[in-house]
Amino acid sequence: VWKGGDMRMESSFGWGELRVDGGRVAGARILEDAASLIGKPIGELNLSRFSLGFEWKYPRVHVKQIDIEAEGVFRLQGAATINNKRLNGELELGVTPEYLEWLPKAERVFTRQRDGYVWTTVQLAGTMDDPQEDLSPRIAELLKKSPTAALGLLIRGLGEWFENSIAE
C-alpha cells in the first residue's frame, strides 16, 4: 500500500509484505565470502522461505517479520529500522553445525539450538553507508584465541585470491 500526495518517498507512507517462493541466490559476492570463510563451496543457495513485512513514513523504514531460510544451511529472523540513513536492528541467525566446523568453540557465539540450527543474536547499527554488526567481532575474538584456525582462514583466503588472480 502506497499513500501520499505524489510518488516521492518524502511525501508518502505505506506498508506491505514481500514473499518469494522458490528463490535462488547465485553469483553473489556474499556467497563467495561465506564459502571462503567456511571452507566449503557455495555456488548458489536455494531459499526455502523468504518473507518480510515493511512500513515506511519518510525518513523511516521499518522491516519486520524477516524470515529467510536456505534449509540445511541457515535461517535468519528479526527486524531492522532505517531512520535518516541510520541502521538499527536485531536478527536471529541460525546456522547448521556443519557450516560452523571451521570455527573453534562456535558454541560460545552460537549458544542456542532449535530446529536443527545453532542460533545467535546479531545486533545491527551504523548507517546505510557504513553498516555495523556485532557478529564479526565476536567471531574474530574466538579466532584470536585459536591461532591455528585463524591461520587456516588466512591460507584459504590467499589461495582463493591467487586462483581469482590467475583466472582474470
N, C-alpha and C. Protein backbone atom coordinates (compact mmCIF):
# COMPACT_ATOMS: atom_id res chain seq x y z
N VAL A 1 0.85 -1.16 0.00
CA VAL A 1 0.00 0.00 0.00
C VAL A 1 0.90 1.23 0.00
N TRP A 2 0.64 2.13 -0.92
CA TRP A 2 1.39 3.38 -1.04
C TRP A 2 0.38 4.51 -0.92
N LYS A 3 0.64 5.46 -0.04
CA LYS A 3 -0.24 6.61 0.12
C LYS A 3 0.59 7.87 0.14
N GLY A 4 0.07 8.92 -0.46
CA GLY A 4 0.78 10.19 -0.47
C GLY A 4 0.25 11.09 -1.55
N GLY A 5 0.68 12.33 -1.51
CA GLY A 5 0.23 13.31 -2.48
C GLY A 5 0.86 13.11 -3.86
N ASP A 6 2.02 12.46 -3.90
CA ASP A 6 2.69 12.18 -5.17
C ASP A 6 3.53 10.91 -4.99
N MET A 7 4.37 10.58 -5.95
CA MET A 7 5.13 9.33 -5.90
C MET A 7 6.49 9.48 -5.22
N ARG A 8 6.77 10.62 -4.64
CA ARG A 8 8.05 10.81 -3.96
C ARG A 8 8.00 10.16 -2.57
N MET A 9 9.11 9.53 -2.19
CA MET A 9 9.20 8.91 -0.86
C MET A 9 9.01 9.95 0.24
N GLU A 10 9.52 11.16 0.04
CA GLU A 10 9.49 12.20 1.06
C GLU A 10 8.07 12.60 1.45
N SER A 11 7.13 12.43 0.56
CA SER A 11 5.76 12.88 0.84
C SER A 11 4.77 11.72 0.91
N SER A 12 5.30 10.51 1.17
CA SER A 12 4.42 9.35 1.17
C SER A 12 4.65 8.48 2.39
N PHE A 13 3.78 7.51 2.54
CA PHE A 13 3.94 6.49 3.57
C PHE A 13 3.24 5.24 3.05
N GLY A 14 3.54 4.12 3.71
CA GLY A 14 2.92 2.89 3.26
C GLY A 14 3.37 1.70 4.05
N TRP A 15 2.91 0.56 3.61
CA TRP A 15 3.23 -0.71 4.26
C TRP A 15 3.00 -1.82 3.26
N GLY A 16 3.54 -2.98 3.57
CA GLY A 16 3.35 -4.12 2.68
C GLY A 16 4.06 -5.35 3.18
N GLU A 17 3.98 -6.38 2.37
CA GLU A 17 4.65 -7.65 2.63
C GLU A 17 5.31 -8.12 1.35
N LEU A 18 6.40 -8.82 1.51
CA LEU A 18 7.10 -9.42 0.38
C LEU A 18 7.33 -10.89 0.69
N ARG A 19 6.94 -11.72 -0.25
CA ARG A 19 7.14 -13.16 -0.09
C ARG A 19 7.65 -13.70 -1.42
N VAL A 20 8.73 -14.48 -1.37
CA VAL A 20 9.29 -15.09 -2.57
C VAL A 20 9.24 -16.60 -2.39
N ASP A 21 8.64 -17.28 -3.35
CA ASP A 21 8.62 -18.74 -3.33
C ASP A 21 9.61 -19.26 -4.36
N GLY A 22 10.42 -20.22 -3.96
CA GLY A 22 11.37 -20.82 -4.89
C GLY A 22 12.52 -19.90 -5.26
N GLY A 23 12.94 -19.06 -4.33
CA GLY A 23 14.02 -18.12 -4.61
C GLY A 23 15.37 -18.82 -4.67
N ARG A 24 16.28 -18.22 -5.41
CA ARG A 24 17.62 -18.76 -5.54
C ARG A 24 18.60 -17.60 -5.57
N VAL A 25 19.71 -17.73 -4.83
CA VAL A 25 20.76 -16.72 -4.82
C VAL A 25 21.98 -17.36 -5.47
N ALA A 26 22.49 -16.73 -6.53
CA ALA A 26 23.67 -17.25 -7.23
C ALA A 26 24.54 -16.09 -7.67
N GLY A 27 25.85 -16.32 -7.68
CA GLY A 27 26.78 -15.32 -8.18
C GLY A 27 26.93 -14.09 -7.29
N ALA A 28 26.44 -14.15 -6.08
CA ALA A 28 26.54 -13.01 -5.17
C ALA A 28 27.87 -13.05 -4.42
N ARG A 29 28.45 -11.89 -4.23
CA ARG A 29 29.73 -11.78 -3.52
C ARG A 29 29.65 -12.37 -2.12
N ILE A 30 28.49 -12.22 -1.47
CA ILE A 30 28.34 -12.74 -0.10
C ILE A 30 28.50 -14.26 -0.07
N LEU A 31 28.10 -14.94 -1.14
CA LEU A 31 28.28 -16.40 -1.19
C LEU A 31 29.75 -16.76 -1.29
N GLU A 32 30.50 -16.00 -2.08
CA GLU A 32 31.93 -16.23 -2.19
C GLU A 32 32.62 -15.99 -0.85
N ASP A 33 32.24 -14.90 -0.19
CA ASP A 33 32.84 -14.58 1.12
C ASP A 33 32.53 -15.66 2.14
N ALA A 34 31.27 -16.11 2.16
CA ALA A 34 30.88 -17.17 3.10
C ALA A 34 31.62 -18.46 2.79
N ALA A 35 31.75 -18.80 1.52
CA ALA A 35 32.44 -20.03 1.13
C ALA A 35 33.91 -20.00 1.55
N SER A 36 34.57 -18.86 1.38
CA SER A 36 35.97 -18.80 1.78
C SER A 36 36.11 -18.87 3.29
N LEU A 37 35.14 -18.35 3.99
CA LEU A 37 35.17 -18.38 5.45
C LEU A 37 34.99 -19.80 5.98
N ILE A 38 34.01 -20.52 5.45
CA ILE A 38 33.72 -21.85 6.00
C ILE A 38 34.50 -22.96 5.32
N GLY A 39 35.17 -22.64 4.21
CA GLY A 39 35.98 -23.65 3.54
C GLY A 39 35.16 -24.66 2.76
N LYS A 40 33.92 -24.32 2.42
CA LYS A 40 33.05 -25.19 1.63
C LYS A 40 32.47 -24.36 0.49
N PRO A 41 32.44 -24.91 -0.72
CA PRO A 41 31.90 -24.13 -1.83
C PRO A 41 30.39 -23.91 -1.68
N ILE A 42 29.96 -22.69 -2.01
CA ILE A 42 28.54 -22.37 -2.03
C ILE A 42 28.28 -21.70 -3.38
N GLY A 43 27.98 -22.48 -4.38
CA GLY A 43 27.74 -21.93 -5.71
C GLY A 43 26.45 -21.15 -5.78
N GLU A 44 25.44 -21.67 -5.10
CA GLU A 44 24.16 -21.00 -5.04
C GLU A 44 23.40 -21.49 -3.83
N LEU A 45 22.43 -20.71 -3.42
CA LEU A 45 21.57 -21.08 -2.31
C LEU A 45 20.13 -21.10 -2.79
N ASN A 46 19.45 -22.17 -2.52
CA ASN A 46 18.03 -22.23 -2.78
C ASN A 46 17.31 -21.85 -1.51
N LEU A 47 16.50 -20.82 -1.60
CA LEU A 47 15.79 -20.33 -0.43
C LEU A 47 14.48 -21.09 -0.28
N SER A 48 14.33 -21.74 0.85
CA SER A 48 13.09 -22.46 1.13
C SER A 48 12.02 -21.52 1.67
N ARG A 49 12.45 -20.38 2.17
CA ARG A 49 11.49 -19.34 2.60
C ARG A 49 12.16 -17.98 2.53
N PHE A 50 11.36 -16.99 2.18
CA PHE A 50 11.82 -15.61 2.14
C PHE A 50 10.57 -14.74 2.27
N SER A 51 10.43 -14.10 3.41
CA SER A 51 9.30 -13.20 3.60
C SER A 51 9.68 -12.11 4.59
N LEU A 52 9.01 -10.99 4.45
CA LEU A 52 9.19 -9.88 5.37
C LEU A 52 8.02 -8.92 5.21
N GLY A 53 7.82 -8.14 6.24
CA GLY A 53 6.84 -7.06 6.19
C GLY A 53 7.59 -5.75 6.30
N PHE A 54 6.98 -4.67 5.84
CA PHE A 54 7.64 -3.38 5.93
C PHE A 54 6.61 -2.27 6.04
N GLU A 55 7.05 -1.18 6.60
CA GLU A 55 6.25 0.03 6.65
C GLU A 55 7.20 1.22 6.61
N TRP A 56 6.77 2.29 6.02
CA TRP A 56 7.61 3.47 5.97
C TRP A 56 6.78 4.74 6.09
N LYS A 57 7.42 5.70 6.65
CA LYS A 57 6.96 7.09 6.64
C LYS A 57 8.24 7.90 6.66
N TYR A 58 8.53 8.50 5.55
CA TYR A 58 9.80 9.16 5.36
C TYR A 58 10.17 10.01 6.57
N PRO A 59 11.39 9.89 7.07
CA PRO A 59 12.57 9.19 6.54
C PRO A 59 12.80 7.82 7.20
N ARG A 60 11.77 7.19 7.73
CA ARG A 60 11.90 5.93 8.47
C ARG A 60 11.32 4.77 7.68
N VAL A 61 12.09 3.68 7.61
CA VAL A 61 11.62 2.43 7.03
C VAL A 61 11.83 1.34 8.07
N HIS A 62 10.79 0.61 8.37
CA HIS A 62 10.88 -0.48 9.34
C HIS A 62 10.61 -1.79 8.60
N VAL A 63 11.60 -2.70 8.62
CA VAL A 63 11.46 -4.01 8.01
C VAL A 63 11.27 -4.99 9.15
N LYS A 64 10.13 -5.69 9.13
CA LYS A 64 9.78 -6.55 10.26
C LYS A 64 9.45 -7.95 9.77
N GLN A 65 9.33 -8.82 10.70
CA GLN A 65 8.97 -10.21 10.42
C GLN A 65 9.85 -10.82 9.32
N ILE A 66 11.14 -10.49 9.36
CA ILE A 66 12.09 -11.06 8.41
C ILE A 66 12.19 -12.55 8.70
N ASP A 67 12.03 -13.37 7.68
CA ASP A 67 12.16 -14.82 7.82
C ASP A 67 12.72 -15.37 6.52
N ILE A 68 14.02 -15.64 6.53
CA ILE A 68 14.73 -16.11 5.35
C ILE A 68 15.42 -17.42 5.72
N GLU A 69 15.27 -18.43 4.86
CA GLU A 69 15.90 -19.71 5.16
C GLU A 69 16.37 -20.39 3.88
N ALA A 70 17.58 -20.91 3.95
CA ALA A 70 18.09 -21.87 2.98
C ALA A 70 18.20 -23.16 3.78
N GLU A 71 17.19 -23.99 3.65
CA GLU A 71 17.07 -25.16 4.52
C GLU A 71 18.35 -25.99 4.53
N GLY A 72 18.79 -26.33 5.73
CA GLY A 72 20.00 -27.11 5.90
C GLY A 72 21.27 -26.28 5.90
N VAL A 73 21.14 -24.95 5.73
CA VAL A 73 22.30 -24.08 5.73
C VAL A 73 22.14 -23.00 6.80
N PHE A 74 21.12 -22.12 6.66
CA PHE A 74 20.92 -21.06 7.63
C PHE A 74 19.46 -20.63 7.66
N ARG A 75 19.12 -19.91 8.71
CA ARG A 75 17.83 -19.24 8.82
C ARG A 75 18.05 -17.90 9.53
N LEU A 76 17.38 -16.86 9.04
CA LEU A 76 17.54 -15.51 9.57
C LEU A 76 16.15 -14.97 9.88
N GLN A 77 15.98 -14.46 11.11
CA GLN A 77 14.71 -13.91 11.54
C GLN A 77 14.96 -12.62 12.30
N GLY A 78 14.00 -11.69 12.24
CA GLY A 78 14.16 -10.48 13.02
C GLY A 78 13.56 -9.26 12.38
N ALA A 79 14.12 -8.10 12.73
CA ALA A 79 13.61 -6.82 12.25
C ALA A 79 14.75 -5.80 12.22
N ALA A 80 14.57 -4.78 11.38
CA ALA A 80 15.56 -3.70 11.29
C ALA A 80 14.84 -2.42 10.91
N THR A 81 15.41 -1.30 11.34
CA THR A 81 14.85 0.01 11.04
C THR A 81 15.94 0.89 10.45
N ILE A 82 15.56 1.64 9.43
CA ILE A 82 16.44 2.66 8.85
C ILE A 82 15.72 3.99 9.07
N ASN A 83 16.37 4.89 9.79
CA ASN A 83 15.78 6.19 10.09
C ASN A 83 16.83 7.26 9.80
N ASN A 84 16.55 8.12 8.82
CA ASN A 84 17.55 9.12 8.39
C ASN A 84 18.88 8.46 8.08
N LYS A 85 18.86 7.35 7.37
CA LYS A 85 20.04 6.56 6.96
C LYS A 85 20.75 5.88 8.11
N ARG A 86 20.22 5.96 9.34
CA ARG A 86 20.79 5.26 10.49
C ARG A 86 20.15 3.88 10.55
N LEU A 87 20.96 2.88 10.80
CA LEU A 87 20.52 1.49 10.84
C LEU A 87 20.47 0.99 12.27
N ASN A 88 19.40 0.27 12.59
CA ASN A 88 19.23 -0.31 13.92
C ASN A 88 18.41 -1.58 13.75
N GLY A 89 18.81 -2.65 14.40
CA GLY A 89 18.02 -3.86 14.29
C GLY A 89 18.59 -5.00 15.09
N GLU A 90 17.80 -6.05 15.15
CA GLU A 90 18.21 -7.26 15.84
C GLU A 90 17.73 -8.44 15.02
N LEU A 91 18.67 -9.32 14.70
CA LEU A 91 18.38 -10.51 13.91
C LEU A 91 18.78 -11.74 14.69
N GLU A 92 18.06 -12.81 14.48
CA GLU A 92 18.45 -14.11 15.00
C GLU A 92 18.99 -14.91 13.82
N LEU A 93 20.22 -15.38 13.92
CA LEU A 93 20.86 -16.14 12.86
C LEU A 93 21.06 -17.57 13.33
N GLY A 94 20.47 -18.49 12.59
CA GLY A 94 20.66 -19.91 12.85
C GLY A 94 21.47 -20.52 11.72
N VAL A 95 22.46 -21.33 12.08
CA VAL A 95 23.33 -21.97 11.10
C VAL A 95 23.42 -23.45 11.46
N THR A 96 23.45 -24.31 10.44
CA THR A 96 23.61 -25.73 10.75
C THR A 96 25.04 -25.96 11.26
N PRO A 97 25.19 -26.85 12.22
CA PRO A 97 26.51 -27.08 12.81
C PRO A 97 27.60 -27.41 11.80
N GLU A 98 27.26 -28.11 10.73
CA GLU A 98 28.30 -28.47 9.74
C GLU A 98 28.93 -27.24 9.09
N TYR A 99 28.21 -26.14 9.01
CA TYR A 99 28.76 -24.93 8.42
C TYR A 99 29.58 -24.12 9.42
N LEU A 100 29.66 -24.59 10.65
CA LEU A 100 30.47 -23.92 11.66
C LEU A 100 31.65 -24.76 12.12
N GLU A 101 31.93 -25.86 11.40
CA GLU A 101 33.02 -26.74 11.80
C GLU A 101 34.36 -26.02 11.80
N TRP A 102 34.52 -24.99 10.98
CA TRP A 102 35.77 -24.25 10.87
C TRP A 102 36.02 -23.35 12.07
N LEU A 103 34.97 -23.05 12.84
CA LEU A 103 35.07 -22.08 13.92
C LEU A 103 35.28 -22.79 15.27
N PRO A 104 36.45 -22.62 15.88
CA PRO A 104 36.69 -23.26 17.16
C PRO A 104 35.78 -22.67 18.24
N LYS A 105 35.22 -23.55 19.06
CA LYS A 105 34.35 -23.12 20.17
C LYS A 105 33.19 -22.26 19.69
N ALA A 106 32.60 -22.66 18.56
CA ALA A 106 31.47 -21.92 17.98
C ALA A 106 30.32 -21.78 18.98
N GLU A 107 30.21 -22.72 19.90
CA GLU A 107 29.11 -22.70 20.87
C GLU A 107 29.19 -21.49 21.81
N ARG A 108 30.31 -20.80 21.83
CA ARG A 108 30.41 -19.58 22.64
C ARG A 108 29.68 -18.41 21.99
N VAL A 109 29.49 -18.48 20.68
CA VAL A 109 28.77 -17.43 19.95
C VAL A 109 27.37 -17.93 19.59
N PHE A 110 27.29 -19.14 19.08
CA PHE A 110 26.00 -19.74 18.70
C PHE A 110 25.55 -20.60 19.88
N THR A 111 24.81 -19.98 20.79
CA THR A 111 24.58 -20.55 22.11
C THR A 111 23.30 -21.36 22.26
N ARG A 112 22.40 -21.26 21.29
CA ARG A 112 21.10 -21.94 21.42
C ARG A 112 20.89 -22.89 20.26
N GLN A 113 20.15 -23.97 20.53
CA GLN A 113 19.80 -24.92 19.47
C GLN A 113 18.29 -24.96 19.31
N ARG A 114 17.87 -24.93 18.02
CA ARG A 114 16.44 -25.02 17.72
C ARG A 114 16.28 -25.35 16.25
N ASP A 115 15.39 -26.26 15.95
CA ASP A 115 15.02 -26.59 14.57
C ASP A 115 16.21 -27.02 13.70
N GLY A 116 17.19 -27.68 14.29
CA GLY A 116 18.34 -28.16 13.52
C GLY A 116 19.43 -27.11 13.30
N TYR A 117 19.27 -25.94 13.87
CA TYR A 117 20.25 -24.87 13.74
C TYR A 117 20.80 -24.51 15.12
N VAL A 118 22.00 -23.93 15.12
CA VAL A 118 22.52 -23.28 16.31
C VAL A 118 22.39 -21.78 16.07
N TRP A 119 21.94 -21.06 17.10
CA TRP A 119 21.49 -19.68 16.93
C TRP A 119 22.32 -18.68 17.72
N THR A 120 22.40 -17.48 17.17
CA THR A 120 22.99 -16.34 17.86
C THR A 120 22.18 -15.09 17.50
N THR A 121 22.25 -14.11 18.36
CA THR A 121 21.61 -12.83 18.10
C THR A 121 22.64 -11.89 17.48
N VAL A 122 22.23 -11.17 16.45
CA VAL A 122 23.11 -10.23 15.76
C VAL A 122 22.48 -8.84 15.87
N GLN A 123 23.24 -7.91 16.43
CA GLN A 123 22.79 -6.53 16.55
C GLN A 123 23.28 -5.73 15.34
N LEU A 124 22.38 -4.96 14.75
CA LEU A 124 22.74 -4.09 13.62
C LEU A 124 22.79 -2.65 14.11
N ALA A 125 23.71 -1.87 13.56
CA ALA A 125 23.85 -0.46 13.91
C ALA A 125 24.56 0.25 12.76
N GLY A 126 24.92 1.50 12.98
CA GLY A 126 25.66 2.25 11.98
C GLY A 126 24.74 2.99 11.03
N THR A 127 25.21 3.15 9.82
CA THR A 127 24.44 3.86 8.80
C THR A 127 24.34 2.97 7.56
N MET A 128 23.55 3.40 6.61
CA MET A 128 23.45 2.65 5.36
C MET A 128 24.77 2.70 4.59
N ASP A 129 25.53 3.76 4.76
CA ASP A 129 26.84 3.86 4.11
C ASP A 129 27.92 3.07 4.84
N ASP A 130 27.72 2.87 6.13
CA ASP A 130 28.70 2.17 6.96
C ASP A 130 27.96 1.27 7.96
N PRO A 131 27.33 0.19 7.45
CA PRO A 131 26.58 -0.69 8.36
C PRO A 131 27.53 -1.44 9.30
N GLN A 132 27.07 -1.66 10.51
CA GLN A 132 27.85 -2.38 11.52
C GLN A 132 27.02 -3.55 12.05
N GLU A 133 27.69 -4.61 12.41
CA GLU A 133 27.04 -5.73 13.08
C GLU A 133 28.00 -6.25 14.14
N ASP A 134 27.47 -6.93 15.14
CA ASP A 134 28.33 -7.37 16.24
C ASP A 134 28.77 -8.82 16.14
N LEU A 135 28.42 -9.51 15.08
CA LEU A 135 28.82 -10.92 14.95
C LEU A 135 30.30 -11.05 14.56
N SER A 136 30.75 -10.27 13.60
CA SER A 136 32.14 -10.37 13.15
C SER A 136 33.15 -10.17 14.29
N PRO A 137 32.98 -9.16 15.14
CA PRO A 137 33.93 -9.01 16.25
C PRO A 137 33.91 -10.20 17.21
N ARG A 138 32.74 -10.79 17.42
CA ARG A 138 32.68 -11.95 18.32
C ARG A 138 33.40 -13.15 17.71
N ILE A 139 33.25 -13.34 16.41
CA ILE A 139 33.96 -14.42 15.74
C ILE A 139 35.46 -14.15 15.72
N ALA A 140 35.83 -12.90 15.47
CA ALA A 140 37.25 -12.53 15.48
C ALA A 140 37.88 -12.82 16.84
N GLU A 141 37.13 -12.57 17.90
CA GLU A 141 37.65 -12.84 19.25
C GLU A 141 37.93 -14.33 19.44
N LEU A 142 37.03 -15.18 18.93
CA LEU A 142 37.27 -16.62 19.02
C LEU A 142 38.52 -17.02 18.22
N LEU A 143 38.69 -16.40 17.05
CA LEU A 143 39.84 -16.73 16.22
C LEU A 143 41.15 -16.26 16.85
N LYS A 144 41.12 -15.15 17.58
CA LYS A 144 42.32 -14.69 18.29
C LYS A 144 42.79 -15.74 19.29
N LYS A 145 41.82 -16.43 19.87
CA LYS A 145 42.14 -17.43 20.88
C LYS A 145 42.52 -18.76 20.26
N SER A 146 42.41 -18.87 18.93
CA SER A 146 42.79 -20.10 18.23
C SER A 146 43.61 -19.73 17.00
N PRO A 147 44.90 -19.49 17.17
CA PRO A 147 45.74 -19.05 16.05
C PRO A 147 45.76 -20.02 14.87
N THR A 148 45.65 -21.31 15.13
CA THR A 148 45.68 -22.27 14.00
C THR A 148 44.44 -22.14 13.13
N ALA A 149 43.29 -21.88 13.72
CA ALA A 149 42.08 -21.67 12.92
C ALA A 149 42.20 -20.39 12.11
N ALA A 150 42.72 -19.34 12.72
CA ALA A 150 42.91 -18.07 12.01
C ALA A 150 43.90 -18.23 10.86
N LEU A 151 44.97 -18.98 11.09
CA LEU A 151 45.94 -19.22 10.04
C LEU A 151 45.31 -20.00 8.89
N GLY A 152 44.47 -20.97 9.21
CA GLY A 152 43.78 -21.74 8.17
C GLY A 152 42.90 -20.84 7.31
N LEU A 153 42.19 -19.91 7.94
CA LEU A 153 41.36 -18.96 7.18
C LEU A 153 42.22 -18.09 6.29
N LEU A 154 43.33 -17.62 6.81
CA LEU A 154 44.24 -16.79 6.03
C LEU A 154 44.76 -17.55 4.81
N ILE A 155 45.17 -18.77 5.00
CA ILE A 155 45.71 -19.58 3.90
C ILE A 155 44.63 -19.83 2.85
N ARG A 156 43.41 -20.15 3.31
CA ARG A 156 42.30 -20.34 2.35
C ARG A 156 42.03 -19.07 1.57
N GLY A 157 42.03 -17.93 2.26
CA GLY A 157 41.78 -16.65 1.61
C GLY A 157 42.85 -16.32 0.58
N LEU A 158 44.12 -16.56 0.93
CA LEU A 158 45.20 -16.31 -0.01
C LEU A 158 45.10 -17.24 -1.22
N GLY A 159 44.74 -18.47 -0.96
CA GLY A 159 44.57 -19.44 -2.06
C GLY A 159 43.49 -19.00 -3.03
N GLU A 160 42.38 -18.53 -2.50
CA GLU A 160 41.29 -18.05 -3.38
C GLU A 160 41.69 -16.79 -4.12
N TRP A 161 42.39 -15.89 -3.44
CA TRP A 161 42.85 -14.68 -4.10
C TRP A 161 43.76 -15.04 -5.27
N PHE A 162 44.67 -16.00 -5.05
CA PHE A 162 45.59 -16.43 -6.07
C PHE A 162 44.84 -17.04 -7.26
N GLU A 163 43.87 -17.92 -6.97
CA GLU A 163 43.07 -18.54 -8.04
C GLU A 163 42.32 -17.49 -8.84
N ASN A 164 41.72 -16.52 -8.15
CA ASN A 164 40.99 -15.47 -8.85
C ASN A 164 41.91 -14.59 -9.67
N SER A 165 43.13 -14.33 -9.20
CA SER A 165 44.08 -13.52 -9.92
C SER A 165 44.52 -14.20 -11.22
N ILE A 166 44.71 -15.51 -11.15
CA ILE A 166 45.11 -16.26 -12.34
C ILE A 166 43.96 -16.33 -13.35
N ALA A 167 42.74 -16.50 -12.84
CA ALA A 167 41.57 -16.60 -13.72
C ALA A 167 41.32 -15.32 -14.48
N GLU A 168 41.67 -14.18 -13.91
CA GLU A 168 41.45 -12.89 -14.58
C GLU A 168 42.56 -12.67 -15.57
